[in-house]
């Protein structure tokens, strides 16, 4: 089965802006603080701040990437712009940025490794059509769709499992029997599901609402 999987993956995966509220880029030229649209270990997309960004492609911009209590001096190279959104690659500090992102965005990066398994290789269920996102290890989202609605699902994240069964009951398991469900675990699941490429927005919203109801 492994040889027949259809992989759906971004060419350059980026963390979607759901867990980036406390991350900023500060322009050294004018100390303008710019919001981050998306971010990876190779590049960053910024939303123009209070001051216009008057640069053209291949121009360099220096500043600091502020992540939680960490500050990393970076040099950015403009690769494209669209209105007030500017996309850059990192010219320096790539290794430092990569290490920090792996530490802080471990959950999001797990999600970005997920691929959609081709429907032809999934067994149709009596209650609907199956969909499976999987990373080849132990992280996954499996759900059943019927009449354009997600009717049940199972999410595996590391040792944690949350599922909604046929009677709409929500269940939580820890395969190591070490952790009780708490706000931290729920937030990890939300961040994980949010960054699964290819999942319908309305299905994410449904799962998020279910997860928050478990607290």
N, C-alpha and C. Protein backbone atom coordinates (compact mmCIF):
# COMPACT_ATOMS: atom_id res chain seq x y z
N UNK A 1 0.82 -1.21 0.00
CA UNK A 1 0.00 0.00 0.00
C UNK A 1 0.86 1.26 0.00
N UNK A 2 2.01 1.22 0.64
CA UNK A 2 2.85 2.39 0.75
C UNK A 2 3.26 2.95 -0.60
N UNK A 3 3.49 2.05 -1.59
CA UNK A 3 3.96 2.49 -2.89
C UNK A 3 2.87 3.18 -3.69
N UNK A 4 1.62 3.05 -3.27
CA UNK A 4 0.50 3.61 -4.01
C UNK A 4 -0.08 4.86 -3.37
N UNK A 5 0.55 5.36 -2.34
CA UNK A 5 0.02 6.54 -1.66
C UNK A 5 0.18 7.78 -2.54
N UNK A 6 -0.84 8.58 -2.54
CA UNK A 6 -0.77 9.86 -3.21
C UNK A 6 -0.40 10.92 -2.20
N UNK A 7 0.75 11.56 -2.39
CA UNK A 7 1.22 12.54 -1.43
C UNK A 7 0.78 13.93 -1.85
N UNK A 8 0.14 14.63 -0.92
CA UNK A 8 -0.28 16.00 -1.15
C UNK A 8 0.49 16.86 -0.17
N UNK A 9 1.43 17.65 -0.66
CA UNK A 9 2.31 18.37 0.25
C UNK A 9 2.73 19.70 -0.37
N UNK A 10 2.86 20.73 0.45
CA UNK A 10 3.36 22.01 -0.03
C UNK A 10 4.82 21.84 -0.47
N UNK A 11 5.19 22.63 -1.47
CA UNK A 11 6.60 22.59 -1.90
C UNK A 11 7.49 23.16 -0.79
N UNK A 12 7.04 24.26 -0.18
CA UNK A 12 7.76 24.83 0.94
C UNK A 12 6.78 25.01 2.08
N UNK A 13 6.63 24.00 2.96
CA UNK A 13 5.61 24.07 4.02
C UNK A 13 5.83 25.27 4.92
N UNK A 14 4.72 25.90 5.30
CA UNK A 14 4.76 27.02 6.20
C UNK A 14 3.69 26.86 7.26
N UNK A 15 4.02 27.29 8.47
CA UNK A 15 3.06 27.23 9.57
C UNK A 15 2.00 28.29 9.35
N UNK A 16 0.72 27.89 9.37
CA UNK A 16 -0.36 28.85 9.20
C UNK A 16 -0.51 29.69 10.48
N UNK A 17 -0.96 30.91 10.29
CA UNK A 17 -0.97 31.89 11.36
C UNK A 17 -2.14 31.67 12.33
N UNK A 18 -2.03 30.60 13.13
CA UNK A 18 -3.02 30.36 14.18
C UNK A 18 -2.34 30.44 15.55
N UNK A 19 -1.05 30.18 15.58
CA UNK A 19 -0.29 30.17 16.83
C UNK A 19 0.85 31.18 16.76
N UNK A 20 0.70 32.25 15.95
CA UNK A 20 1.80 33.19 15.73
C UNK A 20 1.51 34.58 16.30
N UNK A 21 0.50 34.67 17.18
CA UNK A 21 0.10 35.99 17.66
C UNK A 21 1.24 36.72 18.38
N UNK A 22 2.11 35.96 19.05
CA UNK A 22 3.18 36.58 19.84
C UNK A 22 4.51 36.61 19.09
N UNK A 23 4.46 36.45 17.79
CA UNK A 23 5.68 36.47 16.99
C UNK A 23 5.65 37.70 16.09
N UNK A 24 6.75 38.43 16.08
CA UNK A 24 6.82 39.66 15.28
C UNK A 24 8.17 39.74 14.57
N UNK A 25 8.18 40.50 13.50
CA UNK A 25 9.44 40.92 12.88
C UNK A 25 9.54 42.42 13.07
N UNK A 26 10.66 42.87 13.63
CA UNK A 26 10.87 44.30 13.87
C UNK A 26 11.91 44.80 12.89
N UNK A 27 11.52 45.73 12.04
CA UNK A 27 12.39 46.31 11.02
C UNK A 27 13.43 47.21 11.68
N UNK A 28 14.71 46.95 11.43
CA UNK A 28 15.79 47.73 12.06
C UNK A 28 15.81 49.18 11.56
N UNK A 29 15.31 49.42 10.37
CA UNK A 29 15.37 50.75 9.79
C UNK A 29 14.47 51.74 10.50
N UNK A 30 13.25 51.29 10.86
CA UNK A 30 12.29 52.22 11.46
C UNK A 30 11.61 51.68 12.72
N UNK A 31 12.08 50.51 13.20
CA UNK A 31 11.51 49.85 14.39
C UNK A 31 10.03 49.49 14.23
N UNK A 32 9.58 49.41 12.98
CA UNK A 32 8.19 49.03 12.73
C UNK A 32 8.02 47.54 13.04
N UNK A 33 6.96 47.22 13.76
CA UNK A 33 6.67 45.83 14.11
C UNK A 33 5.66 45.27 13.10
N UNK A 34 6.06 44.21 12.39
CA UNK A 34 5.25 43.67 11.31
C UNK A 34 4.66 42.32 11.70
N UNK A 35 3.38 42.15 11.38
CA UNK A 35 2.72 40.87 11.64
C UNK A 35 3.17 39.82 10.63
N UNK A 36 3.24 38.58 11.10
CA UNK A 36 3.68 37.47 10.27
C UNK A 36 2.47 36.74 9.72
N UNK A 37 2.44 36.55 8.40
CA UNK A 37 1.36 35.82 7.74
C UNK A 37 1.65 34.33 7.74
N UNK A 38 2.87 33.96 7.35
CA UNK A 38 3.31 32.58 7.49
C UNK A 38 4.81 32.54 7.64
N UNK A 39 5.32 31.37 8.02
CA UNK A 39 6.69 31.27 8.47
C UNK A 39 7.21 29.86 8.28
N UNK A 40 8.45 29.75 7.80
CA UNK A 40 9.12 28.46 7.71
C UNK A 40 10.58 28.68 8.04
N UNK A 41 11.38 27.59 7.98
CA UNK A 41 12.80 27.77 8.27
C UNK A 41 13.56 28.34 7.08
N UNK A 42 12.88 28.55 5.95
CA UNK A 42 13.54 29.14 4.79
C UNK A 42 13.04 30.53 4.45
N UNK A 43 11.85 30.89 4.95
CA UNK A 43 11.32 32.19 4.58
C UNK A 43 10.18 32.64 5.46
N UNK A 44 9.68 33.83 5.14
CA UNK A 44 8.66 34.46 5.97
C UNK A 44 7.82 35.39 5.09
N UNK A 45 6.53 35.50 5.38
CA UNK A 45 5.65 36.46 4.71
C UNK A 45 5.16 37.46 5.75
N UNK A 46 5.29 38.74 5.43
CA UNK A 46 4.96 39.81 6.37
C UNK A 46 3.86 40.70 5.83
N UNK A 47 3.04 41.19 6.76
CA UNK A 47 2.00 42.16 6.43
C UNK A 47 2.55 43.55 6.72
N UNK A 48 2.43 44.44 5.75
CA UNK A 48 2.98 45.79 5.92
C UNK A 48 2.42 46.46 7.17
N UNK A 49 3.30 47.12 7.91
CA UNK A 49 2.91 47.77 9.17
C UNK A 49 2.55 49.22 8.97
N UNK A 50 2.90 50.04 9.96
CA UNK A 50 2.55 51.46 9.94
C UNK A 50 3.31 52.23 8.86
N UNK A 51 4.52 51.75 8.53
CA UNK A 51 5.34 52.43 7.54
C UNK A 51 5.40 51.61 6.26
N UNK A 52 5.31 52.25 5.09
CA UNK A 52 5.38 51.52 3.82
C UNK A 52 6.73 50.80 3.68
N UNK A 53 6.69 49.61 3.11
CA UNK A 53 7.92 48.88 2.79
C UNK A 53 8.27 49.21 1.36
N UNK A 54 9.18 50.14 1.17
CA UNK A 54 9.53 50.63 -0.16
C UNK A 54 10.75 49.88 -0.67
N UNK A 55 10.54 48.66 -1.12
CA UNK A 55 11.61 47.84 -1.65
C UNK A 55 11.11 47.10 -2.88
N UNK A 56 12.07 46.60 -3.67
CA UNK A 56 11.73 45.81 -4.84
C UNK A 56 12.36 44.42 -4.69
N UNK A 57 12.02 43.53 -5.60
CA UNK A 57 12.54 42.16 -5.52
C UNK A 57 14.05 42.13 -5.43
N UNK A 58 14.56 41.23 -4.59
CA UNK A 58 15.99 41.00 -4.33
C UNK A 58 16.61 42.02 -3.39
N UNK A 59 15.83 43.04 -2.98
CA UNK A 59 16.33 43.96 -1.96
C UNK A 59 16.43 43.24 -0.62
N UNK A 60 17.33 43.71 0.24
CA UNK A 60 17.54 43.12 1.56
C UNK A 60 16.95 44.01 2.66
N UNK A 61 16.39 43.37 3.68
CA UNK A 61 15.85 44.08 4.83
C UNK A 61 16.40 43.40 6.08
N UNK A 62 16.91 44.17 7.02
CA UNK A 62 17.43 43.61 8.26
C UNK A 62 16.49 43.93 9.41
N UNK A 63 16.54 43.08 10.44
CA UNK A 63 15.70 43.30 11.60
C UNK A 63 15.83 42.16 12.58
N UNK A 64 14.87 42.05 13.48
CA UNK A 64 14.89 41.00 14.50
C UNK A 64 13.58 40.21 14.46
N UNK A 65 13.73 38.91 14.51
CA UNK A 65 12.57 38.03 14.63
C UNK A 65 12.37 37.78 16.12
N UNK A 66 11.22 38.22 16.64
CA UNK A 66 10.93 38.10 18.06
C UNK A 66 9.95 36.95 18.27
N UNK A 67 10.41 35.89 18.92
CA UNK A 67 9.57 34.72 19.18
C UNK A 67 9.62 34.43 20.67
N UNK A 68 8.47 34.65 21.33
CA UNK A 68 8.39 34.48 22.78
C UNK A 68 9.51 35.29 23.42
N UNK A 69 10.45 34.68 24.12
CA UNK A 69 11.53 35.42 24.78
C UNK A 69 12.82 35.42 23.98
N UNK A 70 12.75 34.93 22.75
CA UNK A 70 13.93 34.84 21.90
C UNK A 70 13.95 35.98 20.88
N UNK A 71 15.15 36.51 20.59
CA UNK A 71 15.32 37.53 19.57
C UNK A 71 16.46 37.10 18.64
N UNK A 72 16.13 36.96 17.36
CA UNK A 72 17.12 36.51 16.40
C UNK A 72 17.33 37.59 15.34
N UNK A 73 18.56 38.14 15.22
CA UNK A 73 18.84 39.08 14.13
C UNK A 73 18.78 38.33 12.80
N UNK A 74 18.05 38.89 11.84
CA UNK A 74 17.91 38.24 10.54
C UNK A 74 18.06 39.26 9.42
N UNK A 75 18.45 38.74 8.26
CA UNK A 75 18.46 39.52 7.03
C UNK A 75 17.53 38.83 6.05
N UNK A 76 16.58 39.60 5.50
CA UNK A 76 15.57 39.04 4.61
C UNK A 76 15.79 39.55 3.19
N UNK A 77 15.51 38.66 2.23
CA UNK A 77 15.58 39.03 0.81
C UNK A 77 14.19 38.93 0.20
N UNK A 78 13.71 40.03 -0.38
CA UNK A 78 12.37 40.04 -0.96
C UNK A 78 12.33 39.19 -2.23
N UNK A 79 11.38 38.26 -2.27
CA UNK A 79 11.24 37.41 -3.46
C UNK A 79 9.97 37.75 -4.24
N UNK A 80 8.94 38.25 -3.54
CA UNK A 80 7.73 38.68 -4.25
C UNK A 80 6.86 39.50 -3.29
N UNK A 81 5.96 40.27 -3.88
CA UNK A 81 5.01 41.04 -3.08
C UNK A 81 3.66 41.04 -3.77
N UNK A 82 2.61 41.10 -2.94
CA UNK A 82 1.25 41.10 -3.45
C UNK A 82 0.44 42.07 -2.59
N UNK A 83 0.24 43.27 -3.09
CA UNK A 83 -0.44 44.28 -2.28
C UNK A 83 0.40 44.66 -1.07
N UNK A 84 -0.16 44.47 0.12
CA UNK A 84 0.57 44.81 1.34
C UNK A 84 1.18 43.58 2.01
N UNK A 85 1.29 42.48 1.26
CA UNK A 85 1.93 41.26 1.76
C UNK A 85 3.26 41.07 1.04
N UNK A 86 4.32 40.84 1.82
CA UNK A 86 5.67 40.72 1.28
C UNK A 86 6.26 39.36 1.68
N UNK A 87 6.79 38.64 0.69
CA UNK A 87 7.39 37.33 0.94
C UNK A 87 8.90 37.43 0.84
N UNK A 88 9.58 36.90 1.87
CA UNK A 88 11.03 36.98 1.94
C UNK A 88 11.63 35.59 2.15
N UNK A 89 12.89 35.44 1.77
CA UNK A 89 13.70 34.31 2.20
C UNK A 89 14.70 34.81 3.23
N UNK A 90 15.14 33.91 4.11
CA UNK A 90 16.17 34.27 5.08
C UNK A 90 17.53 34.20 4.41
N UNK A 91 18.28 35.30 4.51
CA UNK A 91 19.63 35.33 3.96
C UNK A 91 20.68 34.94 4.99
N UNK A 92 20.39 35.17 6.25
CA UNK A 92 21.31 34.83 7.34
C UNK A 92 20.50 34.24 8.49
N UNK A 93 21.18 33.60 9.42
CA UNK A 93 20.58 33.03 10.63
C UNK A 93 19.61 31.90 10.32
N UNK A 94 19.74 31.25 9.17
CA UNK A 94 18.83 30.17 8.81
C UNK A 94 18.88 29.04 9.83
N UNK A 95 20.08 28.70 10.28
CA UNK A 95 20.22 27.59 11.22
C UNK A 95 19.57 27.92 12.55
N UNK A 96 19.79 29.15 13.05
CA UNK A 96 19.18 29.56 14.32
C UNK A 96 17.66 29.59 14.23
N UNK A 97 17.16 30.11 13.11
CA UNK A 97 15.70 30.15 12.91
C UNK A 97 15.13 28.75 12.87
N UNK A 98 15.80 27.87 12.14
CA UNK A 98 15.33 26.49 12.00
C UNK A 98 15.25 25.79 13.35
N UNK A 99 16.27 25.93 14.17
CA UNK A 99 16.28 25.28 15.49
C UNK A 99 15.15 25.81 16.37
N UNK A 100 14.93 27.12 16.34
CA UNK A 100 13.90 27.71 17.17
C UNK A 100 12.51 27.29 16.72
N UNK A 101 12.31 27.26 15.40
CA UNK A 101 11.01 26.86 14.88
C UNK A 101 10.68 25.41 15.23
N UNK A 102 11.68 24.55 15.13
CA UNK A 102 11.46 23.15 15.46
C UNK A 102 11.08 22.98 16.93
N UNK A 103 11.64 23.84 17.78
CA UNK A 103 11.35 23.77 19.21
C UNK A 103 9.95 24.30 19.52
N UNK A 104 9.60 25.45 18.96
CA UNK A 104 8.36 26.12 19.31
C UNK A 104 7.17 25.57 18.53
N UNK A 105 7.40 25.20 17.27
CA UNK A 105 6.30 24.77 16.40
C UNK A 105 6.36 23.28 16.10
N UNK A 106 6.73 22.52 17.10
CA UNK A 106 6.80 21.07 16.92
C UNK A 106 5.46 20.50 16.46
N UNK A 107 4.37 20.96 17.04
CA UNK A 107 3.03 20.45 16.69
C UNK A 107 2.69 20.81 15.25
N UNK A 108 2.89 22.07 14.88
CA UNK A 108 2.56 22.51 13.53
C UNK A 108 3.39 21.77 12.49
N UNK A 109 4.67 21.55 12.78
CA UNK A 109 5.54 20.86 11.83
C UNK A 109 5.14 19.40 11.67
N UNK A 110 4.62 18.80 12.73
CA UNK A 110 4.08 17.44 12.60
C UNK A 110 2.93 17.43 11.60
N UNK A 111 2.05 18.43 11.70
CA UNK A 111 0.90 18.50 10.80
C UNK A 111 1.32 18.70 9.35
N UNK A 112 2.37 19.48 9.14
CA UNK A 112 2.80 19.77 7.79
C UNK A 112 3.44 18.56 7.10
N UNK A 113 3.74 17.52 7.87
CA UNK A 113 4.28 16.29 7.29
C UNK A 113 3.17 15.34 6.84
N UNK A 114 1.93 15.69 7.14
CA UNK A 114 0.81 14.81 6.81
C UNK A 114 0.54 14.81 5.31
N UNK A 115 0.14 13.68 4.79
CA UNK A 115 -0.27 13.58 3.40
C UNK A 115 -1.65 12.93 3.33
N UNK A 116 -2.37 13.26 2.27
CA UNK A 116 -3.68 12.66 2.06
C UNK A 116 -3.55 11.36 1.31
N UNK A 117 -4.04 10.27 1.90
CA UNK A 117 -4.00 8.97 1.24
C UNK A 117 -5.09 8.95 0.16
N UNK A 118 -4.74 8.45 -1.03
CA UNK A 118 -5.67 8.42 -2.14
C UNK A 118 -6.93 7.63 -1.78
N UNK A 119 -8.10 8.21 -2.11
CA UNK A 119 -9.38 7.61 -1.74
C UNK A 119 -9.53 6.19 -2.26
N UNK A 120 -8.94 5.90 -3.44
CA UNK A 120 -9.10 4.58 -4.05
C UNK A 120 -8.56 3.47 -3.18
N UNK A 121 -7.68 3.79 -2.25
CA UNK A 121 -7.06 2.77 -1.40
C UNK A 121 -7.67 2.68 -0.01
N UNK A 122 -8.79 3.38 0.17
CA UNK A 122 -9.50 3.34 1.45
C UNK A 122 -10.81 2.58 1.28
N UNK A 123 -11.14 1.78 2.27
CA UNK A 123 -12.35 0.98 2.22
C UNK A 123 -13.56 1.85 2.60
N UNK A 124 -14.56 1.90 1.72
CA UNK A 124 -15.74 2.68 2.01
C UNK A 124 -16.48 2.08 3.19
N UNK A 125 -16.94 2.95 4.07
CA UNK A 125 -17.63 2.53 5.28
C UNK A 125 -19.14 2.59 5.10
N UNK A 126 -19.90 1.78 5.87
CA UNK A 126 -21.36 1.79 5.74
C UNK A 126 -21.99 3.16 5.97
N UNK A 127 -21.34 3.98 6.80
CA UNK A 127 -21.92 5.28 7.14
C UNK A 127 -21.35 6.44 6.33
N UNK A 128 -20.47 6.16 5.35
CA UNK A 128 -19.97 7.25 4.53
C UNK A 128 -18.62 6.99 3.89
N UNK A 129 -18.05 8.04 3.32
CA UNK A 129 -16.77 7.95 2.63
C UNK A 129 -15.62 8.31 3.57
N UNK A 130 -14.55 7.49 3.59
CA UNK A 130 -13.43 7.75 4.49
C UNK A 130 -12.40 8.71 3.89
N UNK A 131 -11.77 9.48 4.76
CA UNK A 131 -10.66 10.34 4.40
C UNK A 131 -9.56 10.12 5.44
N UNK A 132 -8.30 10.08 4.97
CA UNK A 132 -7.20 9.76 5.88
C UNK A 132 -6.00 10.63 5.59
N UNK A 133 -5.59 11.41 6.58
CA UNK A 133 -4.34 12.17 6.54
C UNK A 133 -3.37 11.49 7.49
N UNK A 134 -2.14 11.24 7.03
CA UNK A 134 -1.21 10.39 7.77
C UNK A 134 0.21 10.87 7.51
N UNK A 135 1.09 10.72 8.50
CA UNK A 135 2.48 11.15 8.32
C UNK A 135 3.45 9.98 8.17
N UNK A 136 2.93 8.76 8.06
CA UNK A 136 3.80 7.60 7.91
C UNK A 136 4.33 7.08 9.23
N UNK A 137 3.96 7.73 10.32
CA UNK A 137 4.42 7.31 11.65
C UNK A 137 3.20 7.03 12.53
N UNK A 138 2.91 7.92 13.47
CA UNK A 138 1.78 7.65 14.37
C UNK A 138 0.82 8.83 14.50
N UNK A 139 1.00 9.85 13.67
CA UNK A 139 0.09 10.99 13.71
C UNK A 139 -0.88 10.91 12.53
N UNK A 140 -2.16 11.12 12.80
CA UNK A 140 -3.13 10.96 11.73
C UNK A 140 -4.44 11.67 12.07
N UNK A 141 -5.21 11.92 11.01
CA UNK A 141 -6.61 12.31 11.12
C UNK A 141 -7.38 11.43 10.15
N UNK A 142 -8.31 10.67 10.69
CA UNK A 142 -9.18 9.81 9.88
C UNK A 142 -10.61 10.23 10.15
N UNK A 143 -11.39 10.44 9.09
CA UNK A 143 -12.78 10.83 9.32
C UNK A 143 -13.69 10.27 8.24
N UNK A 144 -14.98 10.24 8.56
CA UNK A 144 -16.01 9.77 7.65
C UNK A 144 -16.91 10.94 7.26
N UNK A 145 -17.14 11.07 5.96
CA UNK A 145 -17.98 12.14 5.43
C UNK A 145 -19.23 11.54 4.81
N UNK A 146 -20.38 12.14 5.12
CA UNK A 146 -21.64 11.70 4.55
C UNK A 146 -22.50 12.94 4.27
N UNK A 147 -22.96 13.07 3.01
CA UNK A 147 -23.74 14.24 2.62
C UNK A 147 -23.02 15.54 2.95
N UNK A 148 -21.73 15.57 2.62
CA UNK A 148 -20.89 16.75 2.82
C UNK A 148 -20.78 17.16 4.29
N UNK A 149 -20.90 16.18 5.18
CA UNK A 149 -20.75 16.44 6.62
C UNK A 149 -19.78 15.43 7.23
N UNK A 150 -18.94 15.91 8.13
CA UNK A 150 -18.07 15.01 8.89
C UNK A 150 -18.89 14.43 10.03
N UNK A 151 -19.08 13.10 10.02
CA UNK A 151 -19.97 12.50 11.02
C UNK A 151 -19.20 11.81 12.15
N UNK A 152 -17.97 11.44 11.91
CA UNK A 152 -17.12 10.91 12.98
C UNK A 152 -15.66 11.03 12.57
N UNK A 153 -14.77 11.00 13.56
CA UNK A 153 -13.34 11.16 13.25
C UNK A 153 -12.49 10.58 14.37
N UNK A 154 -11.23 10.42 14.04
CA UNK A 154 -10.21 9.94 14.99
C UNK A 154 -8.93 10.72 14.72
N UNK A 155 -8.39 11.32 15.78
CA UNK A 155 -7.15 12.09 15.67
C UNK A 155 -6.10 11.45 16.57
N UNK A 156 -4.96 11.13 16.01
CA UNK A 156 -3.83 10.61 16.79
C UNK A 156 -2.70 11.63 16.73
N UNK A 157 -2.23 12.05 17.88
CA UNK A 157 -1.13 13.01 17.97
C UNK A 157 -0.16 12.49 19.02
N UNK A 158 0.99 12.02 18.55
CA UNK A 158 1.97 11.38 19.43
C UNK A 158 1.28 10.24 20.19
N UNK A 159 1.24 10.32 21.52
CA UNK A 159 0.62 9.25 22.31
C UNK A 159 -0.85 9.52 22.63
N UNK A 160 -1.38 10.64 22.14
CA UNK A 160 -2.74 11.04 22.49
C UNK A 160 -3.71 10.69 21.36
N UNK A 161 -4.91 10.30 21.73
CA UNK A 161 -5.96 9.99 20.76
C UNK A 161 -7.26 10.63 21.22
N UNK A 162 -7.92 11.34 20.30
CA UNK A 162 -9.26 11.85 20.54
C UNK A 162 -10.13 11.40 19.38
N UNK A 163 -11.29 10.86 19.68
CA UNK A 163 -12.18 10.42 18.62
C UNK A 163 -13.63 10.74 18.92
N UNK A 164 -14.36 10.93 17.84
CA UNK A 164 -15.80 11.13 17.91
C UNK A 164 -16.44 9.94 17.22
N UNK A 165 -17.17 9.13 17.97
CA UNK A 165 -17.69 7.89 17.40
C UNK A 165 -19.08 8.08 16.80
N UNK A 166 -19.69 6.98 16.41
CA UNK A 166 -20.94 7.04 15.66
C UNK A 166 -22.08 7.68 16.45
N UNK A 167 -22.07 7.56 17.75
CA UNK A 167 -23.14 8.18 18.54
C UNK A 167 -22.76 9.59 19.00
N UNK A 168 -21.72 10.15 18.33
CA UNK A 168 -21.26 11.52 18.56
C UNK A 168 -20.62 11.71 19.93
N UNK A 169 -20.28 10.63 20.60
CA UNK A 169 -19.58 10.73 21.88
C UNK A 169 -18.10 11.00 21.63
N UNK A 170 -17.55 11.97 22.38
CA UNK A 170 -16.13 12.31 22.28
C UNK A 170 -15.35 11.53 23.33
N UNK A 171 -14.24 10.91 22.91
CA UNK A 171 -13.44 10.09 23.81
C UNK A 171 -11.97 10.47 23.69
N UNK A 172 -11.26 10.39 24.81
CA UNK A 172 -9.84 10.71 24.86
C UNK A 172 -9.06 9.54 25.44
N UNK A 173 -7.91 9.23 24.81
CA UNK A 173 -7.04 8.16 25.30
C UNK A 173 -5.60 8.65 25.30
N UNK A 174 -4.84 8.19 26.26
CA UNK A 174 -3.39 8.37 26.27
C UNK A 174 -2.81 6.97 26.23
N UNK A 175 -2.11 6.63 25.14
CA UNK A 175 -1.62 5.26 24.97
C UNK A 175 -0.60 4.86 26.03
N UNK A 176 0.00 5.87 26.68
CA UNK A 176 0.95 5.58 27.76
C UNK A 176 0.29 5.65 29.14
N UNK A 177 -1.00 6.01 29.16
CA UNK A 177 -1.76 6.11 30.42
C UNK A 177 -1.09 7.05 31.42
N UNK A 178 -0.55 8.15 30.88
CA UNK A 178 0.19 9.07 31.74
C UNK A 178 -0.51 10.41 31.92
N UNK A 179 -1.31 10.82 30.95
CA UNK A 179 -1.85 12.18 30.98
C UNK A 179 -3.37 12.21 30.97
N UNK A 180 -3.92 13.03 31.85
CA UNK A 180 -5.35 13.31 31.81
C UNK A 180 -5.57 14.48 30.85
N UNK A 181 -6.73 14.51 30.24
CA UNK A 181 -7.04 15.57 29.29
C UNK A 181 -7.02 16.92 30.00
N UNK A 182 -6.34 17.90 29.40
CA UNK A 182 -6.27 19.23 29.98
C UNK A 182 -6.19 20.26 28.85
N UNK A 183 -6.16 21.53 29.23
CA UNK A 183 -6.18 22.61 28.25
C UNK A 183 -4.96 22.57 27.33
N UNK A 184 -3.81 22.24 27.86
CA UNK A 184 -2.59 22.19 27.06
C UNK A 184 -2.71 21.15 25.95
N UNK A 185 -3.23 19.97 26.29
CA UNK A 185 -3.39 18.90 25.29
C UNK A 185 -4.41 19.31 24.24
N UNK A 186 -5.53 19.91 24.66
CA UNK A 186 -6.55 20.36 23.71
C UNK A 186 -5.96 21.38 22.75
N UNK A 187 -5.17 22.32 23.24
CA UNK A 187 -4.56 23.33 22.38
C UNK A 187 -3.60 22.71 21.37
N UNK A 188 -2.90 21.66 21.79
CA UNK A 188 -2.01 20.96 20.86
C UNK A 188 -2.80 20.32 19.73
N UNK A 189 -3.93 19.69 20.07
CA UNK A 189 -4.77 19.08 19.04
C UNK A 189 -5.30 20.14 18.08
N UNK A 190 -5.73 21.28 18.59
CA UNK A 190 -6.27 22.34 17.74
C UNK A 190 -5.19 22.85 16.79
N UNK A 191 -3.99 23.10 17.31
CA UNK A 191 -2.89 23.56 16.47
C UNK A 191 -2.55 22.52 15.41
N UNK A 192 -2.57 21.27 15.79
CA UNK A 192 -2.25 20.17 14.87
C UNK A 192 -3.26 20.11 13.72
N UNK A 193 -4.54 20.07 14.06
CA UNK A 193 -5.57 19.93 13.04
C UNK A 193 -5.61 21.15 12.13
N UNK A 194 -5.40 22.32 12.71
CA UNK A 194 -5.45 23.57 11.93
C UNK A 194 -4.44 23.58 10.81
N UNK A 195 -3.31 22.93 11.00
CA UNK A 195 -2.23 22.97 10.02
C UNK A 195 -2.20 21.77 9.08
N UNK A 196 -3.22 20.94 9.10
CA UNK A 196 -3.29 19.82 8.16
C UNK A 196 -3.72 20.36 6.80
N UNK A 197 -2.84 20.29 5.84
CA UNK A 197 -3.11 20.84 4.52
C UNK A 197 -4.14 19.98 3.80
N UNK A 198 -5.22 20.60 3.33
CA UNK A 198 -6.24 19.88 2.59
C UNK A 198 -7.51 19.64 3.38
N UNK A 199 -7.49 19.89 4.69
CA UNK A 199 -8.69 19.71 5.50
C UNK A 199 -9.61 20.91 5.31
N UNK A 200 -10.90 20.63 5.08
CA UNK A 200 -11.86 21.70 4.88
C UNK A 200 -11.97 22.58 6.14
N UNK A 201 -12.12 23.88 5.91
CA UNK A 201 -12.19 24.83 7.03
C UNK A 201 -13.36 24.50 7.95
N UNK A 202 -14.52 24.12 7.37
CA UNK A 202 -15.68 23.84 8.20
C UNK A 202 -15.46 22.60 9.07
N UNK A 203 -14.62 21.67 8.60
CA UNK A 203 -14.32 20.48 9.40
C UNK A 203 -13.38 20.83 10.54
N UNK A 204 -12.42 21.72 10.26
CA UNK A 204 -11.57 22.20 11.36
C UNK A 204 -12.41 22.89 12.42
N UNK A 205 -13.33 23.75 11.99
CA UNK A 205 -14.18 24.47 12.95
C UNK A 205 -15.01 23.51 13.79
N UNK A 206 -15.51 22.45 13.16
CA UNK A 206 -16.29 21.45 13.89
C UNK A 206 -15.43 20.74 14.93
N UNK A 207 -14.24 20.32 14.51
CA UNK A 207 -13.34 19.63 15.45
C UNK A 207 -12.92 20.57 16.57
N UNK A 208 -12.61 21.80 16.25
CA UNK A 208 -12.20 22.78 17.28
C UNK A 208 -13.31 22.97 18.31
N UNK A 209 -14.54 23.09 17.83
CA UNK A 209 -15.68 23.26 18.74
C UNK A 209 -15.85 22.03 19.64
N UNK A 210 -15.69 20.84 19.05
CA UNK A 210 -15.78 19.60 19.83
C UNK A 210 -14.70 19.55 20.89
N UNK A 211 -13.47 19.86 20.50
CA UNK A 211 -12.34 19.77 21.44
C UNK A 211 -12.52 20.73 22.60
N UNK A 212 -12.93 21.95 22.30
CA UNK A 212 -13.11 22.94 23.36
C UNK A 212 -14.25 22.54 24.31
N UNK A 213 -15.20 21.78 23.81
CA UNK A 213 -16.31 21.35 24.65
C UNK A 213 -15.89 20.26 25.64
N UNK A 214 -14.71 19.67 25.43
CA UNK A 214 -14.26 18.57 26.29
C UNK A 214 -13.64 19.06 27.59
N UNK A 215 -13.36 20.35 27.67
CA UNK A 215 -12.73 20.88 28.89
C UNK A 215 -13.76 21.14 29.98
